[in-house]
Amino acid sequence: YSFDQPNPYYDNGVNHINSTNYNSVVASSGSVNQGIRFTTTSAYFQMYSFYQFSIYNSKSWTFAIWICPTSVAAGIIVHMASSSSGCCYYQDVLFLTYGGQIATQVYCSSLGTYPGFYGPVFSINTWTDVASTFSATNGLTLHVNGASVGSTAISTYQISSVPMYATLGYGFGYCEAYVPCVGYQGGMDEFYAYRRELSASEIYSLASA
């Protein structure tokens, strides 16, 4: 999703999962050409039919996005759920903590908890590329501006058995352990979702665009 005009809500990838559900999101300048801006704390941009994160539990994936927060006092960046209302088997794959740290986590059924990794504190009004990757070999890894900042050694995760909704910027009040139930404020651009773990060089390329 490049969020570029004239079709900012279209999927530019091969799957064409265009967004038909969004609220209080407007076009704005982005990190690359145009982006989108979240104008309220309940603003969101939602897409549907993400199989890799649900039906194929414990399979590899990558989520990457450029963000430019106007507030770093918490905010959901990528919220996954089996319902468009944000509930049911929900996970916040990328988010900002109350202290402004970028973080990633996912539910691990074998541990009965939410292992994750907390990265650096972000600055406001600055474009930063963030990514979360998972594979059974390398676990859950957080990347900032093209570089890995840390990982958690898990080999499995558990979500749902139905395709998932991906919602940017909001969790509809459904937030699991350690995640502030706060809507994201600021801009987003260049959202990528892959059904594999990108390599270090590929992550770097996304951050260098």
C-alpha atoms as a PDB file:
ATOM      1  CA  TYR A   1       0.000   0.000   0.000  1.00  0.00           C
ATOM      2  CA  SER A   2       1.788   3.124  -1.254  1.00  0.00           C
ATOM      3  CA  PHE A   3      -1.111   5.452  -0.296  1.00  0.00           C
ATOM      4  CA  ASP A   4      -0.292   7.475  -3.402  1.00  0.00           C
ATOM      5  CA  GLN A   5      -2.833   9.448  -5.396  1.00  0.00           C
ATOM      6  CA  PRO A   6      -5.118   8.994  -7.249  1.00  0.00           C
ATOM      7  CA  ASN A   7      -5.972   5.722  -5.452  1.00  0.00           C
ATOM      8  CA  PRO A   8      -4.525   5.996  -1.933  1.00  0.00           C
ATOM      9  CA  TYR A   9      -6.587   3.099  -0.558  1.00  0.00           C
ATOM     10  CA  TYR A  10      -5.626   0.533  -3.216  1.00  0.00           C
ATOM     11  CA  ASP A  11      -3.374  -2.472  -2.719  1.00  0.00           C
ATOM     12  CA  ASN A  12      -0.426  -2.029  -5.083  1.00  0.00           C
ATOM     13  CA  GLY A  13       0.640  -5.656  -4.678  1.00  0.00           C
ATOM     14  CA  VAL A  14      -0.450  -8.774  -6.527  1.00  0.00           C
ATOM     15  CA  ASN A  15      -3.352  -9.609  -4.185  1.00  0.00           C
ATOM     16  CA  HIS A  16      -5.340  -6.380  -4.715  1.00  0.00           C
ATOM     17  CA  ILE A  17      -6.765  -6.342  -1.180  1.00  0.00           C
ATOM     18  CA  ASN A  18      -8.136  -2.809  -1.483  1.00  0.00           C
ATOM     19  CA  SER A  19      -9.329  -1.055   1.654  1.00  0.00           C
ATOM     20  CA  THR A  20     -13.064  -0.366   1.830  1.00  0.00           C
ATOM     21  CA  ASN A  21     -13.164   0.443   5.538  1.00  0.00           C
ATOM     22  CA  TYR A  22     -11.488   3.514   6.984  1.00  0.00           C
ATOM     23  CA  ASN A  23     -12.357   6.360   9.321  1.00  0.00           C
ATOM     24  CA  SER A  24     -10.944   9.864   9.845  1.00  0.00           C
ATOM     25  CA  VAL A  25      -8.033   9.175   7.498  1.00  0.00           C
ATOM     26  CA  VAL A  26      -6.948  11.829   5.001  1.00  0.00           C
ATOM     27  CA  ALA A  27      -4.339  12.024   2.269  1.00  0.00           C
ATOM     28  CA  SER A  28      -1.152  13.851   3.210  1.00  0.00           C
ATOM     29  CA  SER A  29       2.508  14.065   2.337  1.00  0.00           C
ATOM     30  CA  GLY A  30       4.352  10.823   3.030  1.00  0.00           C
ATOM     31  CA  SER A  31       7.834   9.431   3.319  1.00  0.00           C
ATOM     32  CA  VAL A  32       7.630   8.536  -0.384  1.00  0.00           C
ATOM     33  CA  ASN A  33       5.246  10.745  -2.382  1.00  0.00           C
ATOM     34  CA  GLN A  34       1.853  10.728  -0.628  1.00  0.00           C
ATOM     35  CA  GLY A  35       0.810   9.016   2.599  1.00  0.00           C
ATOM     36  CA  ILE A  36      -2.149   9.051   4.959  1.00  0.00           C
ATOM     37  CA  ARG A  37      -2.729  10.936   8.201  1.00  0.00           C
ATOM     38  CA  PHE A  38      -4.854   9.848  11.158  1.00  0.00           C
ATOM     39  CA  THR A  39      -6.863  12.873  12.290  1.00  0.00           C
ATOM     40  CA  THR A  40      -8.476  11.494  15.476  1.00  0.00           C
ATOM     41  CA  THR A  41      -7.559   8.903  18.112  1.00  0.00           C
ATOM     42  CA  SER A  42     -10.254   6.612  16.664  1.00  0.00           C
ATOM     43  CA  ALA A  43      -9.032   6.884  13.069  1.00  0.00           C
ATOM     44  CA  TYR A  44      -8.145   3.680  11.240  1.00  0.00           C
ATOM     45  CA  PHE A  45      -7.382   2.078   7.870  1.00  0.00           C
ATOM     46  CA  GLN A  46      -8.510  -1.531   7.500  1.00  0.00           C
ATOM     47  CA  MET A  47      -7.803  -4.378   5.066  1.00  0.00           C
ATOM     48  CA  TYR A  48      -9.156  -7.929   4.939  1.00  0.00           C
ATOM     49  CA  SER A  49      -8.091 -11.455   3.977  1.00  0.00           C
ATOM     50  CA  PHE A  50      -4.672 -12.024   5.518  1.00  0.00           C
ATOM     51  CA  TYR A  51      -4.363 -15.812   5.439  1.00  0.00           C
ATOM     52  CA  GLN A  52      -0.706 -16.197   6.342  1.00  0.00           C
ATOM     53  CA  PHE A  53      -1.130 -14.682   9.782  1.00  0.00           C
ATOM     54  CA  SER A  54      -4.098 -16.864  10.725  1.00  0.00           C
ATOM     55  CA  ILE A  55      -5.020 -20.071   8.919  1.00  0.00           C
ATOM     56  CA  TYR A  56      -1.367 -21.018   8.578  1.00  0.00           C
ATOM     57  CA  ASN A  57      -0.359 -20.573  12.208  1.00  0.00           C
ATOM     58  CA  SER A  58       3.366 -20.314  12.894  1.00  0.00           C
ATOM     59  CA  LYS A  59       4.180 -19.600   9.245  1.00  0.00           C
ATOM     60  CA  SER A  60       6.576 -16.801   8.380  1.00  0.00           C
ATOM     61  CA  TRP A  61       5.474 -13.216   7.779  1.00  0.00           C
ATOM     62  CA  THR A  62       6.660  -9.603   7.579  1.00  0.00           C
ATOM     63  CA  PHE A  63       4.860  -6.334   8.280  1.00  0.00           C
ATOM     64  CA  ALA A  64       6.676  -3.088   7.468  1.00  0.00           C
ATOM     65  CA  ILE A  65       5.537   0.540   7.456  1.00  0.00           C
ATOM     66  CA  TRP A  66       6.801   4.105   7.612  1.00  0.00           C
ATOM     67  CA  ILE A  67       5.380   6.147  10.497  1.00  0.00           C
ATOM     68  CA  CYS A  68       5.594   9.828  11.446  1.00  0.00           C
ATOM     69  CA  PRO A  69       3.888  10.185  14.836  1.00  0.00           C
ATOM     70  CA  THR A  70       2.637  13.541  16.102  1.00  0.00           C
ATOM     71  CA  SER A  71       2.421  11.968  19.558  1.00  0.00           C
ATOM     72  CA  VAL A  72       4.550   9.159  20.963  1.00  0.00           C
ATOM     73  CA  ALA A  73       2.481   8.741  24.132  1.00  0.00           C
ATOM     74  CA  ALA A  74       1.261   5.301  22.993  1.00  0.00           C
ATOM     75  CA  GLY A  75      -0.459   4.221  19.790  1.00  0.00           C
ATOM     76  CA  ILE A  76      -1.434   1.063  17.928  1.00  0.00           C
ATOM     77  CA  ILE A  77       0.249   0.718  14.545  1.00  0.00           C
ATOM     78  CA  VAL A  78      -0.752  -2.738  13.217  1.00  0.00           C
ATOM     79  CA  HIS A  79      -3.733  -4.518  14.824  1.00  0.00           C
ATOM     80  CA  MET A  80      -4.711  -7.988  13.565  1.00  0.00           C
ATOM     81  CA  ALA A  81      -8.128  -9.509  14.356  1.00  0.00           C
ATOM     82  CA  SER A  82     -10.596 -12.036  12.980  1.00  0.00           C
ATOM     83  CA  SER A  83     -13.441  -9.468  13.065  1.00  0.00           C
ATOM     84  CA  SER A  84     -13.766  -6.052  11.437  1.00  0.00           C
ATOM     85  CA  SER A  85     -14.742  -4.705  14.866  1.00  0.00           C
ATOM     86  CA  GLY A  86     -11.228  -5.483  16.075  1.00  0.00           C
ATOM     87  CA  CYS A  87     -12.168  -8.325  18.404  1.00  0.00           C
ATOM     88  CA  CYS A  88     -11.569 -12.059  18.451  1.00  0.00           C
ATOM     89  CA  TYR A  89      -8.066 -13.520  18.251  1.00  0.00           C
ATOM     90  CA  TYR A  90      -6.643 -10.018  18.143  1.00  0.00           C
ATOM     91  CA  GLN A  91      -2.955  -9.172  18.179  1.00  0.00           C
ATOM     92  CA  ASP A  92      -1.112  -5.858  18.095  1.00  0.00           C
ATOM     93  CA  VAL A  93       1.925  -6.720  16.038  1.00  0.00           C
ATOM     94  CA  LEU A  94       3.419  -3.208  16.106  1.00  0.00           C
ATOM     95  CA  PHE A  95       2.674  -0.455  18.617  1.00  0.00           C
ATOM     96  CA  LEU A  96       4.078   2.447  20.613  1.00  0.00           C
ATOM     97  CA  THR A  97       4.232   2.171  24.395  1.00  0.00           C
ATOM     98  CA  TYR A  98       3.193   4.912  26.807  1.00  0.00           C
ATOM     99  CA  GLY A  99       6.851   5.835  27.012  1.00  0.00           C
ATOM    100  CA  GLY A 100       7.187   6.162  23.232  1.00  0.00           C
ATOM    101  CA  GLN A 101       9.051   2.911  22.561  1.00  0.00           C
ATOM    102  CA  ILE A 102       8.337   0.976  19.386  1.00  0.00           C
ATOM    103  CA  ALA A 103       7.453  -2.643  20.158  1.00  0.00           C
ATOM    104  CA  THR A 104       6.369  -5.910  18.563  1.00  0.00           C
ATOM    105  CA  GLN A 105       4.740  -8.946  20.161  1.00  0.00           C
ATOM    106  CA  VAL A 106       2.589 -11.982  19.347  1.00  0.00           C
ATOM    107  CA  TYR A 107       0.777 -14.622  21.376  1.00  0.00           C
ATOM    108  CA  CYS A 108       2.701 -17.864  21.909  1.00  0.00           C
ATOM    109  CA  SER A 109       0.303 -20.636  22.925  1.00  0.00           C
ATOM    110  CA  SER A 110       3.041 -22.983  24.131  1.00  0.00           C
ATOM    111  CA  LEU A 111       4.191 -20.340  26.627  1.00  0.00           C
ATOM    112  CA  GLY A 112       0.741 -18.933  27.379  1.00  0.00           C
ATOM    113  CA  THR A 113       2.059 -15.396  27.129  1.00  0.00           C
ATOM    114  CA  TYR A 114       2.974 -12.583  24.707  1.00  0.00           C
ATOM    115  CA  PRO A 115       6.715 -12.597  24.035  1.00  0.00           C
ATOM    116  CA  GLY A 116       7.978  -9.541  22.224  1.00  0.00           C
ATOM    117  CA  PHE A 117      10.720  -6.994  21.910  1.00  0.00           C
ATOM    118  CA  TYR A 118      10.835  -3.311  22.854  1.00  0.00           C
ATOM    119  CA  GLY A 119      12.961  -0.984  20.751  1.00  0.00           C
ATOM    120  CA  PRO A 120      14.063   2.653  20.934  1.00  0.00           C
ATOM    121  CA  VAL A 121      11.984   5.658  21.950  1.00  0.00           C
ATOM    122  CA  PHE A 122      10.647   7.478  18.901  1.00  0.00           C
ATOM    123  CA  SER A 123      10.610  11.210  18.149  1.00  0.00           C
ATOM    124  CA  ILE A 124       7.594  13.154  16.933  1.00  0.00           C
ATOM    125  CA  ASN A 125       7.293  14.521  13.393  1.00  0.00           C
ATOM    126  CA  THR A 126      10.049  12.257  12.080  1.00  0.00           C
ATOM    127  CA  TRP A 127       9.562   9.561   9.430  1.00  0.00           C
ATOM    128  CA  THR A 128      10.859   6.181  10.613  1.00  0.00           C
ATOM    129  CA  ASP A 129      10.610   2.778   8.956  1.00  0.00           C
ATOM    130  CA  VAL A 130       9.571  -0.047  11.297  1.00  0.00           C
ATOM    131  CA  ALA A 131       9.110  -3.741  10.579  1.00  0.00           C
ATOM    132  CA  SER A 132       8.191  -6.929  12.404  1.00  0.00           C
ATOM    133  CA  THR A 133       9.256 -10.296  11.015  1.00  0.00           C
ATOM    134  CA  PHE A 134       8.604 -13.836  12.158  1.00  0.00           C
ATOM    135  CA  SER A 135       9.991 -17.236  11.266  1.00  0.00           C
ATOM    136  CA  ALA A 136      10.308 -20.478  13.202  1.00  0.00           C
ATOM    137  CA  THR A 137      14.071 -20.245  12.735  1.00  0.00           C
ATOM    138  CA  ASN A 138      14.707 -16.636  13.747  1.00  0.00           C
ATOM    139  CA  GLY A 139      11.732 -15.930  15.984  1.00  0.00           C
ATOM    140  CA  LEU A 140      10.061 -12.520  16.256  1.00  0.00           C
ATOM    141  CA  THR A 141      12.333  -9.664  15.193  1.00  0.00           C
ATOM    142  CA  LEU A 142      11.915  -5.887  15.362  1.00  0.00           C
ATOM    143  CA  HIS A 143      13.577  -3.688  12.739  1.00  0.00           C
ATOM    144  CA  VAL A 144      13.987   0.100  12.802  1.00  0.00           C
ATOM    145  CA  ASN A 145      15.217   2.048   9.762  1.00  0.00           C
ATOM    146  CA  GLY A 146      16.387  -1.107   8.054  1.00  0.00           C
ATOM    147  CA  ALA A 147      18.340  -2.611  10.950  1.00  0.00           C
ATOM    148  CA  SER A 148      17.412  -5.333  13.416  1.00  0.00           C
ATOM    149  CA  VAL A 149      17.224  -3.938  16.951  1.00  0.00           C
ATOM    150  CA  GLY A 150      16.421  -7.219  18.680  1.00  0.00           C
ATOM    151  CA  SER A 151      14.417 -10.420  18.627  1.00  0.00           C
ATOM    152  CA  THR A 152      12.582 -12.949  20.768  1.00  0.00           C
ATOM    153  CA  ALA A 153      13.362 -16.635  20.263  1.00  0.00           C
ATOM    154  CA  ILE A 154       9.948 -18.195  19.703  1.00  0.00           C
ATOM    155  CA  SER A 155       9.149 -20.806  17.062  1.00  0.00           C
ATOM    156  CA  THR A 156       5.339 -20.872  17.207  1.00  0.00           C
ATOM    157  CA  TYR A 157       2.400 -18.520  17.620  1.00  0.00           C
ATOM    158  CA  GLN A 158      -1.341 -19.041  17.711  1.00  0.00           C
ATOM    159  CA  ILE A 159      -3.996 -16.822  16.177  1.00  0.00           C
ATOM    160  CA  SER A 160      -7.171 -18.030  14.446  1.00  0.00           C
ATOM    161  CA  SER A 161      -8.370 -20.398  11.747  1.00  0.00           C
ATOM    162  CA  VAL A 162     -10.006 -17.729   9.588  1.00  0.00           C
ATOM    163  CA  PRO A 163      -8.571 -14.913   7.437  1.00  0.00           C
ATOM    164  CA  MET A 164      -7.648 -11.864   9.473  1.00  0.00           C
ATOM    165  CA  TYR A 165      -8.342  -8.146   9.254  1.00  0.00           C
ATOM    166  CA  ALA A 166      -5.335  -5.850   9.411  1.00  0.00           C
ATOM    167  CA  THR A 167      -6.153  -2.454  10.897  1.00  0.00           C
ATOM    168  CA  LEU A 168      -3.677   0.397  10.936  1.00  0.00           C
ATOM    169  CA  GLY A 169      -3.819   2.923  13.751  1.00  0.00           C
ATOM    170  CA  TYR A 170      -6.572   1.597  16.015  1.00  0.00           C
ATOM    171  CA  GLY A 171      -7.612  -1.450  18.025  1.00  0.00           C
ATOM    172  CA  PHE A 172     -11.278  -0.634  18.706  1.00  0.00           C
ATOM    173  CA  GLY A 173     -10.663  -1.044  22.432  1.00  0.00           C
ATOM    174  CA  TYR A 174      -9.294  -4.583  22.054  1.00  0.00           C
ATOM    175  CA  CYS A 175      -5.703  -4.739  23.238  1.00  0.00           C
ATOM    176  CA  GLU A 176      -3.838  -7.665  24.719  1.00  0.00           C
ATOM    177  CA  ALA A 177      -1.072  -7.781  27.308  1.00  0.00           C
ATOM    178  CA  TYR A 178       1.201  -4.751  27.625  1.00  0.00           C
ATOM    179  CA  VAL A 179      -0.419  -2.882  24.712  1.00  0.00           C
ATOM    180  CA  PRO A 180      -1.952   0.550  25.419  1.00  0.00           C
ATOM    181  CA  CYS A 181      -5.485   0.802  23.996  1.00  0.00           C
ATOM    182  CA  VAL A 182      -4.695   4.133  22.374  1.00  0.00           C
ATOM    183  CA  GLY A 183      -5.215   5.174  18.770  1.00  0.00           C
ATOM    184  CA  TYR A 184      -2.168   6.202  16.766  1.00  0.00           C
ATOM    185  CA  GLN A 185      -1.732   9.882  15.915  1.00  0.00           C
ATOM    186  CA  GLY A 186       0.277  11.023  12.921  1.00  0.00           C
ATOM    187  CA  GLY A 187       1.155   9.899   9.417  1.00  0.00           C
ATOM    188  CA  MET A 188       1.766   6.497   7.835  1.00  0.00           C
ATOM    189  CA  ASP A 189       3.122   5.467   4.458  1.00  0.00           C
ATOM    190  CA  GLU A 190       4.344   2.469   2.445  1.00  0.00           C
ATOM    191  CA  PHE A 191       2.688  -0.436   4.272  1.00  0.00           C
ATOM    192  CA  TYR A 192       4.038  -3.843   3.217  1.00  0.00           C
ATOM    193  CA  ALA A 193       2.729  -7.278   4.213  1.00  0.00           C
ATOM    194  CA  TYR A 194       4.572 -10.433   3.128  1.00  0.00           C
ATOM    195  CA  ARG A 195       3.879 -14.117   3.686  1.00  0.00           C
ATOM    196  CA  ARG A 196       7.542 -14.765   4.368  1.00  0.00           C
ATOM    197  CA  GLU A 197      10.323 -13.389   6.523  1.00  0.00           C
ATOM    198  CA  LEU A 198      12.221 -10.782   4.537  1.00  0.00           C
ATOM    199  CA  SER A 199      16.000 -10.963   4.575  1.00  0.00           C
ATOM    200  CA  ALA A 200      18.124  -8.293   6.237  1.00  0.00           C
ATOM    201  CA  SER A 201      18.975  -6.802   2.844  1.00  0.00           C
ATOM    202  CA  GLU A 202      15.312  -6.690   1.822  1.00  0.00           C
ATOM    203  CA  ILE A 203      14.356  -4.950   5.071  1.00  0.00           C
ATOM    204  CA  TYR A 204      17.150  -2.449   4.466  1.00  0.00           C
ATOM    205  CA  SER A 205      15.895  -1.816   0.920  1.00  0.00           C
ATOM    206  CA  LEU A 206      12.401  -0.978   2.189  1.00  0.00           C
ATOM    207  CA  ALA A 207      13.867   1.511   4.640  1.00  0.00           C
ATOM    208  CA  SER A 208      16.038   3.064   1.928  1.00  0.00           C
ATOM    209  CA  ALA A 209      13.177   3.824  -0.471  1.00  0.00           C
END
